[in-house]
Amino acid sequence: MALLPTFTTLGSGPTVLMLHDADGDHLTFAPQVETLASAGYRAVAWDMPGYGYSAPIEPYTFKSLAESCLTLIDALQGGPVTLVGHGMGAMVALEVAVRKPSAVGRLVLCAGGPALDAQATEDWVSPRLQALDAVLAAGGGMEALAQMLVPQFVGTGALPEGVLLANHALSKVYAGSYRRALEAMPTFARGAEALARLHVPTLLVGGEDDRCTPTIALQALAQVLPDARHVSLPHVGHWPQLEDPEGFDGALLDFLATRRILH
């Protein structure tokens, strides 16, 4: 049995479980926790194993991460849940849905998911690993890394408060956990064939300015998934839920209200 990861929760109603990116922790969904709770949902945001107070796991694989997430879903006793995954969290969400479809009623993939082109994942991971190595070699820490990386990947219209929160969340990540997460990302093994069998209503939300997960990548993923639609937010980069919380929350709430759980 996997250890129960730590999480924050607010509200009551259908469960929406949010899975953060390698670049942050549960704080990167702080605006959505409040919005969802106010709209009649139980909003849950986890700390991925190795992040926050969640114990690290061995081996650090998508199988192990999915098992940890399923342990949390079972503990919440609110399934099937809506999984909202940002960046690497979108990969974890898909792995959970593939492994146990009955646990997931809906999927929201935010600025992430498997790149159908392996080189695209490498292009996402390499600059972060290089920046981490450079900062640590210079005697800096994760706060310096956040100040270096976040401005490179936000959009031209990003809400300043959202940028500050993205900086704060990344600065709190353990350097070792960050490295392991980045190194794990290229190992995601669910290709188009497996995803094409995933009959779960899915919303893909990205930013037009996102250099990590560009619009064309999300559109390609939406074509593979059997029941998916794509929303692109203008002047937004890699943190849509923080850079444009109003636009992101509007798309999310509309999806939750209008899409039927297929079971």
C-alpha atoms as a PDB file:
ATOM      1  CA  MET A   1       0.000   0.000   0.000  1.00  0.00           C
ATOM      2  CA  ALA A   2       1.384   3.378  -1.025  1.00  0.00           C
ATOM      3  CA  LEU A   3       1.711   6.057   1.640  1.00  0.00           C
ATOM      4  CA  LEU A   4      -1.074   8.619   1.597  1.00  0.00           C
ATOM      5  CA  PRO A   5       0.252  11.864   0.099  1.00  0.00           C
ATOM      6  CA  THR A   6      -0.509  15.132   1.842  1.00  0.00           C
ATOM      7  CA  PHE A   7      -3.173  17.399   0.401  1.00  0.00           C
ATOM      8  CA  THR A   8      -5.299  20.456   1.029  1.00  0.00           C
ATOM      9  CA  THR A   9      -9.074  20.383   0.706  1.00  0.00           C
ATOM     10  CA  LEU A  10     -11.965  22.821   0.846  1.00  0.00           C
ATOM     11  CA  GLY A  11     -15.690  22.604   0.215  1.00  0.00           C
ATOM     12  CA  SER A  12     -18.112  19.747  -0.300  1.00  0.00           C
ATOM     13  CA  GLY A  13     -19.707  18.142  -3.324  1.00  0.00           C
ATOM     14  CA  PRO A  14     -18.280  16.249  -6.310  1.00  0.00           C
ATOM     15  CA  THR A  15     -14.540  15.790  -5.869  1.00  0.00           C
ATOM     16  CA  VAL A  16     -12.087  17.655  -8.079  1.00  0.00           C
ATOM     17  CA  LEU A  17      -8.523  16.496  -7.441  1.00  0.00           C
ATOM     18  CA  MET A  18      -5.734  18.771  -8.704  1.00  0.00           C
ATOM     19  CA  LEU A  19      -2.266  17.453  -9.543  1.00  0.00           C
ATOM     20  CA  HIS A  20       0.476  20.067  -9.808  1.00  0.00           C
ATOM     21  CA  ASP A  21       3.435  20.288 -12.168  1.00  0.00           C
ATOM     22  CA  ALA A  22       7.080  19.500 -11.417  1.00  0.00           C
ATOM     23  CA  ASP A  23       7.554  23.285 -11.091  1.00  0.00           C
ATOM     24  CA  GLY A  24       5.441  23.735  -7.970  1.00  0.00           C
ATOM     25  CA  ASP A  25       3.209  22.201  -5.315  1.00  0.00           C
ATOM     26  CA  HIS A  26      -0.429  22.403  -4.206  1.00  0.00           C
ATOM     27  CA  LEU A  27      -0.139  26.209  -4.062  1.00  0.00           C
ATOM     28  CA  THR A  28      -0.201  26.403  -7.860  1.00  0.00           C
ATOM     29  CA  PHE A  29      -3.911  25.540  -7.626  1.00  0.00           C
ATOM     30  CA  ALA A  30      -4.696  27.869  -4.715  1.00  0.00           C
ATOM     31  CA  PRO A  31      -7.103  30.082  -6.727  1.00  0.00           C
ATOM     32  CA  GLN A  32      -8.978  27.037  -8.016  1.00  0.00           C
ATOM     33  CA  VAL A  33      -9.407  25.521  -4.553  1.00  0.00           C
ATOM     34  CA  GLU A  34     -11.367  28.583  -3.469  1.00  0.00           C
ATOM     35  CA  THR A  35     -13.313  28.920  -6.727  1.00  0.00           C
ATOM     36  CA  LEU A  36     -14.353  25.280  -6.841  1.00  0.00           C
ATOM     37  CA  ALA A  37     -15.348  25.194  -3.178  1.00  0.00           C
ATOM     38  CA  SER A  38     -17.499  28.294  -3.686  1.00  0.00           C
ATOM     39  CA  ALA A  39     -19.143  26.639  -6.714  1.00  0.00           C
ATOM     40  CA  GLY A  40     -20.233  23.524  -4.819  1.00  0.00           C
ATOM     41  CA  TYR A  41     -17.321  21.140  -5.316  1.00  0.00           C
ATOM     42  CA  ARG A  42     -14.912  19.431  -2.947  1.00  0.00           C
ATOM     43  CA  ALA A  43     -11.586  20.859  -4.106  1.00  0.00           C
ATOM     44  CA  VAL A  44      -8.511  18.799  -3.317  1.00  0.00           C
ATOM     45  CA  ALA A  45      -4.921  19.697  -4.263  1.00  0.00           C
ATOM     46  CA  TRP A  46      -2.197  17.184  -3.485  1.00  0.00           C
ATOM     47  CA  ASP A  47       1.511  17.462  -2.957  1.00  0.00           C
ATOM     48  CA  MET A  48       3.078  14.947  -5.327  1.00  0.00           C
ATOM     49  CA  PRO A  49       5.347  12.391  -3.595  1.00  0.00           C
ATOM     50  CA  GLY A  50       8.599  14.140  -2.705  1.00  0.00           C
ATOM     51  CA  TYR A  51       6.903  17.548  -2.633  1.00  0.00           C
ATOM     52  CA  GLY A  52       5.708  19.442   0.436  1.00  0.00           C
ATOM     53  CA  TYR A  53       5.168  16.963   3.267  1.00  0.00           C
ATOM     54  CA  SER A  54       4.434  14.013   0.968  1.00  0.00           C
ATOM     55  CA  ALA A  55       6.926  11.197   1.460  1.00  0.00           C
ATOM     56  CA  PRO A  56       9.155  10.364  -1.508  1.00  0.00           C
ATOM     57  CA  ILE A  57       8.605   7.086  -3.335  1.00  0.00           C
ATOM     58  CA  GLU A  58      10.815   4.365  -4.785  1.00  0.00           C
ATOM     59  CA  PRO A  59      10.998   3.755  -7.640  1.00  0.00           C
ATOM     60  CA  TYR A  60      10.094   7.212  -8.889  1.00  0.00           C
ATOM     61  CA  THR A  61       7.989   6.171 -11.877  1.00  0.00           C
ATOM     62  CA  PHE A  62       4.652   7.132 -13.351  1.00  0.00           C
ATOM     63  CA  LYS A  63       3.306   3.783 -12.187  1.00  0.00           C
ATOM     64  CA  SER A  64       4.271   4.616  -8.601  1.00  0.00           C
ATOM     65  CA  LEU A  65       2.909   8.161  -8.879  1.00  0.00           C
ATOM     66  CA  ALA A  66      -0.382   6.821 -10.240  1.00  0.00           C
ATOM     67  CA  GLU A  67      -0.615   4.302  -7.420  1.00  0.00           C
ATOM     68  CA  SER A  68      -0.061   7.098  -4.910  1.00  0.00           C
ATOM     69  CA  CYS A  69      -2.804   9.140  -6.542  1.00  0.00           C
ATOM     70  CA  LEU A  70      -5.179   6.170  -6.531  1.00  0.00           C
ATOM     71  CA  THR A  71      -4.458   5.673  -2.825  1.00  0.00           C
ATOM     72  CA  LEU A  72      -5.575   9.256  -2.255  1.00  0.00           C
ATOM     73  CA  ILE A  73      -8.677   8.820  -4.431  1.00  0.00           C
ATOM     74  CA  ASP A  74      -9.658   5.746  -2.406  1.00  0.00           C
ATOM     75  CA  ALA A  75      -9.105   7.617   0.857  1.00  0.00           C
ATOM     76  CA  LEU A  76     -11.267  10.528  -0.314  1.00  0.00           C
ATOM     77  CA  GLN A  77     -14.170   8.127  -0.992  1.00  0.00           C
ATOM     78  CA  GLY A  78     -15.618  10.574  -3.495  1.00  0.00           C
ATOM     79  CA  GLY A  79     -15.108   8.813  -6.792  1.00  0.00           C
ATOM     80  CA  PRO A  80     -15.229   8.841  -9.640  1.00  0.00           C
ATOM     81  CA  VAL A  81     -13.314  12.118  -9.425  1.00  0.00           C
ATOM     82  CA  THR A  82     -12.422  14.851 -11.852  1.00  0.00           C
ATOM     83  CA  LEU A  83      -8.645  14.960 -12.217  1.00  0.00           C
ATOM     84  CA  VAL A  84      -7.068  18.300 -13.105  1.00  0.00           C
ATOM     85  CA  GLY A  85      -3.409  17.919 -14.020  1.00  0.00           C
ATOM     86  CA  HIS A  86      -0.962  20.739 -14.748  1.00  0.00           C
ATOM     87  CA  GLY A  87       2.220  19.986 -16.700  1.00  0.00           C
ATOM     88  CA  MET A  88       3.675  16.759 -15.315  1.00  0.00           C
ATOM     89  CA  GLY A  89       0.470  16.420 -13.292  1.00  0.00           C
ATOM     90  CA  ALA A  90      -1.399  15.988 -16.581  1.00  0.00           C
ATOM     91  CA  MET A  91       0.782  12.954 -17.322  1.00  0.00           C
ATOM     92  CA  VAL A  92       0.032  11.519 -13.876  1.00  0.00           C
ATOM     93  CA  ALA A  93      -3.686  12.136 -14.427  1.00  0.00           C
ATOM     94  CA  LEU A  94      -3.611  10.242 -17.728  1.00  0.00           C
ATOM     95  CA  GLU A  95      -1.661   7.374 -16.177  1.00  0.00           C
ATOM     96  CA  VAL A  96      -4.281   7.100 -13.422  1.00  0.00           C
ATOM     97  CA  ALA A  97      -7.113   7.111 -15.965  1.00  0.00           C
ATOM     98  CA  VAL A  98      -5.457   4.431 -18.082  1.00  0.00           C
ATOM     99  CA  ARG A  99      -4.741   2.206 -15.080  1.00  0.00           C
ATOM    100  CA  LYS A 100      -8.138   2.559 -13.407  1.00  0.00           C
ATOM    101  CA  PRO A 101     -10.776   4.160 -15.669  1.00  0.00           C
ATOM    102  CA  SER A 102     -13.527   3.622 -13.099  1.00  0.00           C
ATOM    103  CA  ALA A 103     -11.798   6.046 -10.706  1.00  0.00           C
ATOM    104  CA  VAL A 104     -11.876   8.999 -13.119  1.00  0.00           C
ATOM    105  CA  GLY A 105     -15.048  10.636 -14.371  1.00  0.00           C
ATOM    106  CA  ARG A 106     -13.447  13.576 -16.163  1.00  0.00           C
ATOM    107  CA  LEU A 107     -10.007  14.886 -17.051  1.00  0.00           C
ATOM    108  CA  VAL A 108      -8.679  18.414 -17.336  1.00  0.00           C
ATOM    109  CA  LEU A 109      -5.179  18.656 -18.809  1.00  0.00           C
ATOM    110  CA  CYS A 110      -3.687  22.086 -18.145  1.00  0.00           C
ATOM    111  CA  ALA A 111      -0.590  23.086 -20.126  1.00  0.00           C
ATOM    112  CA  GLY A 112       0.596  19.518 -20.180  1.00  0.00           C
ATOM    113  CA  GLY A 113       0.264  15.906 -21.122  1.00  0.00           C
ATOM    114  CA  PRO A 114       2.455  13.572 -23.095  1.00  0.00           C
ATOM    115  CA  ALA A 115       4.121  15.095 -26.107  1.00  0.00           C
ATOM    116  CA  LEU A 116       3.399  12.893 -29.109  1.00  0.00           C
ATOM    117  CA  ASP A 117       6.880  13.923 -30.224  1.00  0.00           C
ATOM    118  CA  ALA A 118       9.488  12.722 -27.710  1.00  0.00           C
ATOM    119  CA  GLN A 119      11.787  15.585 -28.668  1.00  0.00           C
ATOM    120  CA  ALA A 120       9.216  18.065 -27.382  1.00  0.00           C
ATOM    121  CA  THR A 121       9.436  16.571 -23.902  1.00  0.00           C
ATOM    122  CA  GLU A 122      13.215  16.774 -24.023  1.00  0.00           C
ATOM    123  CA  ASP A 123      12.951  20.416 -25.096  1.00  0.00           C
ATOM    124  CA  TRP A 124      10.817  21.055 -22.001  1.00  0.00           C
ATOM    125  CA  VAL A 125      13.054  19.189 -19.570  1.00  0.00           C
ATOM    126  CA  SER A 126      16.566  20.095 -20.721  1.00  0.00           C
ATOM    127  CA  PRO A 127      16.476  23.866 -20.036  1.00  0.00           C
ATOM    128  CA  ARG A 128      15.184  23.215 -16.523  1.00  0.00           C
ATOM    129  CA  LEU A 129      17.852  20.649 -15.701  1.00  0.00           C
ATOM    130  CA  GLN A 130      20.554  22.922 -17.115  1.00  0.00           C
ATOM    131  CA  ALA A 131      19.252  25.853 -15.105  1.00  0.00           C
ATOM    132  CA  LEU A 132      19.108  23.739 -11.943  1.00  0.00           C
ATOM    133  CA  ASP A 133      22.702  22.596 -12.416  1.00  0.00           C
ATOM    134  CA  ALA A 134      23.866  26.153 -13.078  1.00  0.00           C
ATOM    135  CA  VAL A 135      22.138  27.587 -10.016  1.00  0.00           C
ATOM    136  CA  LEU A 136      23.371  24.858  -7.683  1.00  0.00           C
ATOM    137  CA  ALA A 137      26.930  25.134  -9.049  1.00  0.00           C
ATOM    138  CA  ALA A 138      26.841  28.854  -8.269  1.00  0.00           C
ATOM    139  CA  GLY A 139      25.783  28.158  -4.695  1.00  0.00           C
ATOM    140  CA  GLY A 140      22.179  29.232  -5.215  1.00  0.00           C
ATOM    141  CA  GLY A 141      18.963  27.472  -4.336  1.00  0.00           C
ATOM    142  CA  MET A 142      15.455  26.948  -5.625  1.00  0.00           C
ATOM    143  CA  GLU A 143      14.500  30.580  -5.013  1.00  0.00           C
ATOM    144  CA  ALA A 144      17.187  31.685  -7.457  1.00  0.00           C
ATOM    145  CA  LEU A 145      16.017  29.025  -9.914  1.00  0.00           C
ATOM    146  CA  ALA A 146      12.439  30.273  -9.698  1.00  0.00           C
ATOM    147  CA  GLN A 147      13.552  33.840 -10.367  1.00  0.00           C
ATOM    148  CA  MET A 148      15.416  32.572 -13.423  1.00  0.00           C
ATOM    149  CA  LEU A 149      12.805  30.221 -14.892  1.00  0.00           C
ATOM    150  CA  VAL A 150       9.361  31.649 -14.213  1.00  0.00           C
ATOM    151  CA  PRO A 151       9.816  34.925 -16.140  1.00  0.00           C
ATOM    152  CA  GLN A 152      10.923  32.908 -19.192  1.00  0.00           C
ATOM    153  CA  PHE A 153       7.732  30.884 -19.374  1.00  0.00           C
ATOM    154  CA  VAL A 154       4.883  33.235 -18.419  1.00  0.00           C
ATOM    155  CA  GLY A 155       2.790  35.053 -21.007  1.00  0.00           C
ATOM    156  CA  THR A 156       2.663  38.731 -21.863  1.00  0.00           C
ATOM    157  CA  GLY A 157      -0.671  39.165 -20.098  1.00  0.00           C
ATOM    158  CA  ALA A 158       0.087  37.195 -16.945  1.00  0.00           C
ATOM    159  CA  LEU A 159      -1.550  38.418 -13.752  1.00  0.00           C
ATOM    160  CA  PRO A 160       1.314  39.750 -11.569  1.00  0.00           C
ATOM    161  CA  GLU A 161      -0.060  38.050  -8.459  1.00  0.00           C
ATOM    162  CA  GLY A 162      -0.129  34.759 -10.345  1.00  0.00           C
ATOM    163  CA  VAL A 163       3.494  35.144 -11.381  1.00  0.00           C
ATOM    164  CA  LEU A 164       4.457  35.802  -7.765  1.00  0.00           C
ATOM    165  CA  LEU A 165       2.633  32.647  -6.665  1.00  0.00           C
ATOM    166  CA  ALA A 166       4.327  30.565  -9.377  1.00  0.00           C
ATOM    167  CA  ASN A 167       7.688  31.911  -8.166  1.00  0.00           C
ATOM    168  CA  HIS A 168       6.856  31.145  -4.550  1.00  0.00           C
ATOM    169  CA  ALA A 169       5.684  27.595  -5.282  1.00  0.00           C
ATOM    170  CA  LEU A 170       8.777  26.693  -7.300  1.00  0.00           C
ATOM    171  CA  SER A 171      11.083  28.212  -4.682  1.00  0.00           C
ATOM    172  CA  LYS A 172       9.654  25.774  -2.091  1.00  0.00           C
ATOM    173  CA  VAL A 173      10.370  22.632  -4.117  1.00  0.00           C
ATOM    174  CA  TYR A 174      13.219  20.412  -2.920  1.00  0.00           C
ATOM    175  CA  ALA A 175      16.048  20.438  -5.442  1.00  0.00           C
ATOM    176  CA  GLY A 176      16.422  16.657  -5.349  1.00  0.00           C
ATOM    177  CA  SER A 177      12.707  16.095  -5.902  1.00  0.00           C
ATOM    178  CA  TYR A 178      12.706  18.565  -8.756  1.00  0.00           C
ATOM    179  CA  ARG A 179      15.549  16.758 -10.478  1.00  0.00           C
ATOM    180  CA  ARG A 180      13.850  13.369 -10.088  1.00  0.00           C
ATOM    181  CA  ALA A 181      10.580  14.698 -11.460  1.00  0.00           C
ATOM    182  CA  LEU A 182      12.283  16.229 -14.473  1.00  0.00           C
ATOM    183  CA  GLU A 183      14.232  13.065 -15.159  1.00  0.00           C
ATOM    184  CA  ALA A 184      11.042  10.989 -14.938  1.00  0.00           C
ATOM    185  CA  MET A 185       9.063  13.036 -17.452  1.00  0.00           C
ATOM    186  CA  PRO A 186      10.655  11.606 -20.630  1.00  0.00           C
ATOM    187  CA  THR A 187       9.852   8.083 -19.372  1.00  0.00           C
ATOM    188  CA  PHE A 188       6.080   8.539 -19.727  1.00  0.00           C
ATOM    189  CA  ALA A 189       5.169   5.556 -21.874  1.00  0.00           C
ATOM    190  CA  ARG A 190       1.516   6.039 -22.817  1.00  0.00           C
ATOM    191  CA  GLY A 191       1.468   6.675 -26.556  1.00  0.00           C
ATOM    192  CA  ALA A 192      -1.312   7.548 -28.952  1.00  0.00           C
ATOM    193  CA  GLU A 193      -2.604   3.974 -29.133  1.00  0.00           C
ATOM    194  CA  ALA A 194      -3.252   3.731 -25.390  1.00  0.00           C
ATOM    195  CA  LEU A 195      -4.693   7.237 -25.156  1.00  0.00           C
ATOM    196  CA  ALA A 196      -7.070   6.582 -28.053  1.00  0.00           C
ATOM    197  CA  ARG A 197      -8.795   3.966 -25.895  1.00  0.00           C
ATOM    198  CA  LEU A 198      -9.384   6.428 -23.063  1.00  0.00           C
ATOM    199  CA  HIS A 199     -13.088   7.280 -23.278  1.00  0.00           C
ATOM    200  CA  VAL A 200     -13.176   9.996 -20.618  1.00  0.00           C
ATOM    201  CA  PRO A 201     -14.567  13.491 -21.271  1.00  0.00           C
ATOM    202  CA  THR A 202     -11.462  15.667 -21.390  1.00  0.00           C
ATOM    203  CA  LEU A 203     -10.767  19.391 -21.453  1.00  0.00           C
ATOM    204  CA  LEU A 204      -7.355  20.626 -22.560  1.00  0.00           C
ATOM    205  CA  VAL A 205      -6.491  24.171 -21.497  1.00  0.00           C
ATOM    206  CA  GLY A 206      -3.335  25.960 -22.557  1.00  0.00           C
ATOM    207  CA  GLY A 207      -1.871  29.396 -23.017  1.00  0.00           C
ATOM    208  CA  GLU A 208      -1.169  30.863 -26.434  1.00  0.00           C
ATOM    209  CA  ASP A 209       2.247  32.049 -25.197  1.00  0.00           C
ATOM    210  CA  ASP A 210       3.242  28.716 -23.637  1.00  0.00           C
ATOM    211  CA  ARG A 211       6.692  27.745 -24.891  1.00  0.00           C
ATOM    212  CA  CYS A 212       6.694  24.509 -22.847  1.00  0.00           C
ATOM    213  CA  THR A 213       3.435  23.015 -24.111  1.00  0.00           C
ATOM    214  CA  PRO A 214       2.523  24.977 -27.245  1.00  0.00           C
ATOM    215  CA  THR A 215      -1.000  25.165 -28.600  1.00  0.00           C
ATOM    216  CA  ILE A 216      -0.186  22.839 -31.486  1.00  0.00           C
ATOM    217  CA  ALA A 217       0.857  20.102 -29.037  1.00  0.00           C
ATOM    218  CA  LEU A 218      -2.400  20.301 -27.091  1.00  0.00           C
ATOM    219  CA  GLN A 219      -4.403  20.346 -30.301  1.00  0.00           C
ATOM    220  CA  ALA A 220      -2.627  17.193 -31.460  1.00  0.00           C
ATOM    221  CA  LEU A 221      -3.372  15.505 -28.137  1.00  0.00           C
ATOM    222  CA  ALA A 222      -7.019  16.541 -28.378  1.00  0.00           C
ATOM    223  CA  GLN A 223      -7.213  14.802 -31.750  1.00  0.00           C
ATOM    224  CA  VAL A 224      -5.962  11.540 -30.210  1.00  0.00           C
ATOM    225  CA  LEU A 225      -8.275  11.471 -27.194  1.00  0.00           C
ATOM    226  CA  PRO A 226     -11.767  10.227 -28.185  1.00  0.00           C
ATOM    227  CA  ASP A 227     -13.800  12.794 -26.209  1.00  0.00           C
ATOM    228  CA  ALA A 228     -11.722  15.949 -25.884  1.00  0.00           C
ATOM    229  CA  ARG A 229     -11.933  19.646 -26.570  1.00  0.00           C
ATOM    230  CA  HIS A 230      -9.277  22.333 -26.412  1.00  0.00           C
ATOM    231  CA  VAL A 231      -9.363  25.881 -25.051  1.00  0.00           C
ATOM    232  CA  SER A 232      -6.517  28.341 -25.617  1.00  0.00           C
ATOM    233  CA  LEU A 233      -6.151  31.408 -23.400  1.00  0.00           C
ATOM    234  CA  PRO A 234      -4.603  34.506 -25.050  1.00  0.00           C
ATOM    235  CA  HIS A 235      -1.470  36.178 -23.656  1.00  0.00           C
ATOM    236  CA  VAL A 236      -0.967  33.293 -21.202  1.00  0.00           C
ATOM    237  CA  GLY A 237       2.113  31.102 -20.752  1.00  0.00           C
ATOM    238  CA  HIS A 238       2.772  27.877 -18.859  1.00  0.00           C
ATOM    239  CA  TRP A 239       0.655  28.615 -15.748  1.00  0.00           C
ATOM    240  CA  PRO A 240      -2.847  29.281 -17.151  1.00  0.00           C
ATOM    241  CA  GLN A 241      -4.532  28.709 -13.781  1.00  0.00           C
ATOM    242  CA  LEU A 242      -2.351  31.400 -12.165  1.00  0.00           C
ATOM    243  CA  GLU A 243      -1.755  33.799 -15.048  1.00  0.00           C
ATOM    244  CA  ASP A 244      -5.445  34.033 -16.008  1.00  0.00           C
ATOM    245  CA  PRO A 245      -7.430  32.446 -13.170  1.00  0.00           C
ATOM    246  CA  GLU A 246     -10.668  34.039 -14.345  1.00  0.00           C
ATOM    247  CA  GLY A 247     -10.349  32.596 -17.840  1.00  0.00           C
ATOM    248  CA  PHE A 248      -9.141  29.221 -16.613  1.00  0.00           C
ATOM    249  CA  ASP A 249     -11.810  28.909 -13.932  1.00  0.00           C
ATOM    250  CA  GLY A 250     -14.518  29.888 -16.398  1.00  0.00           C
ATOM    251  CA  ALA A 251     -13.475  27.130 -18.803  1.00  0.00           C
ATOM    252  CA  LEU A 252     -13.176  24.620 -15.953  1.00  0.00           C
ATOM    253  CA  LEU A 253     -16.555  25.400 -14.390  1.00  0.00           C
ATOM    254  CA  ASP A 254     -18.267  25.334 -17.779  1.00  0.00           C
ATOM    255  CA  PHE A 255     -16.756  21.907 -18.456  1.00  0.00           C
ATOM    256  CA  LEU A 256     -17.806  20.564 -15.060  1.00  0.00           C
ATOM    257  CA  ALA A 257     -21.329  21.894 -15.457  1.00  0.00           C
ATOM    258  CA  THR A 258     -22.046  20.803 -18.994  1.00  0.00           C
ATOM    259  CA  ARG A 259     -20.198  17.544 -19.509  1.00  0.00           C
ATOM    260  CA  ARG A 260     -21.785  14.305 -18.372  1.00  0.00           C
ATOM    261  CA  ILE A 261     -19.721  11.668 -16.583  1.00  0.00           C
ATOM    262  CA  LEU A 262     -19.629   8.615 -18.821  1.00  0.00           C
ATOM    263  CA  HIS A 263     -20.071   5.479 -16.723  1.00  0.00           C
END
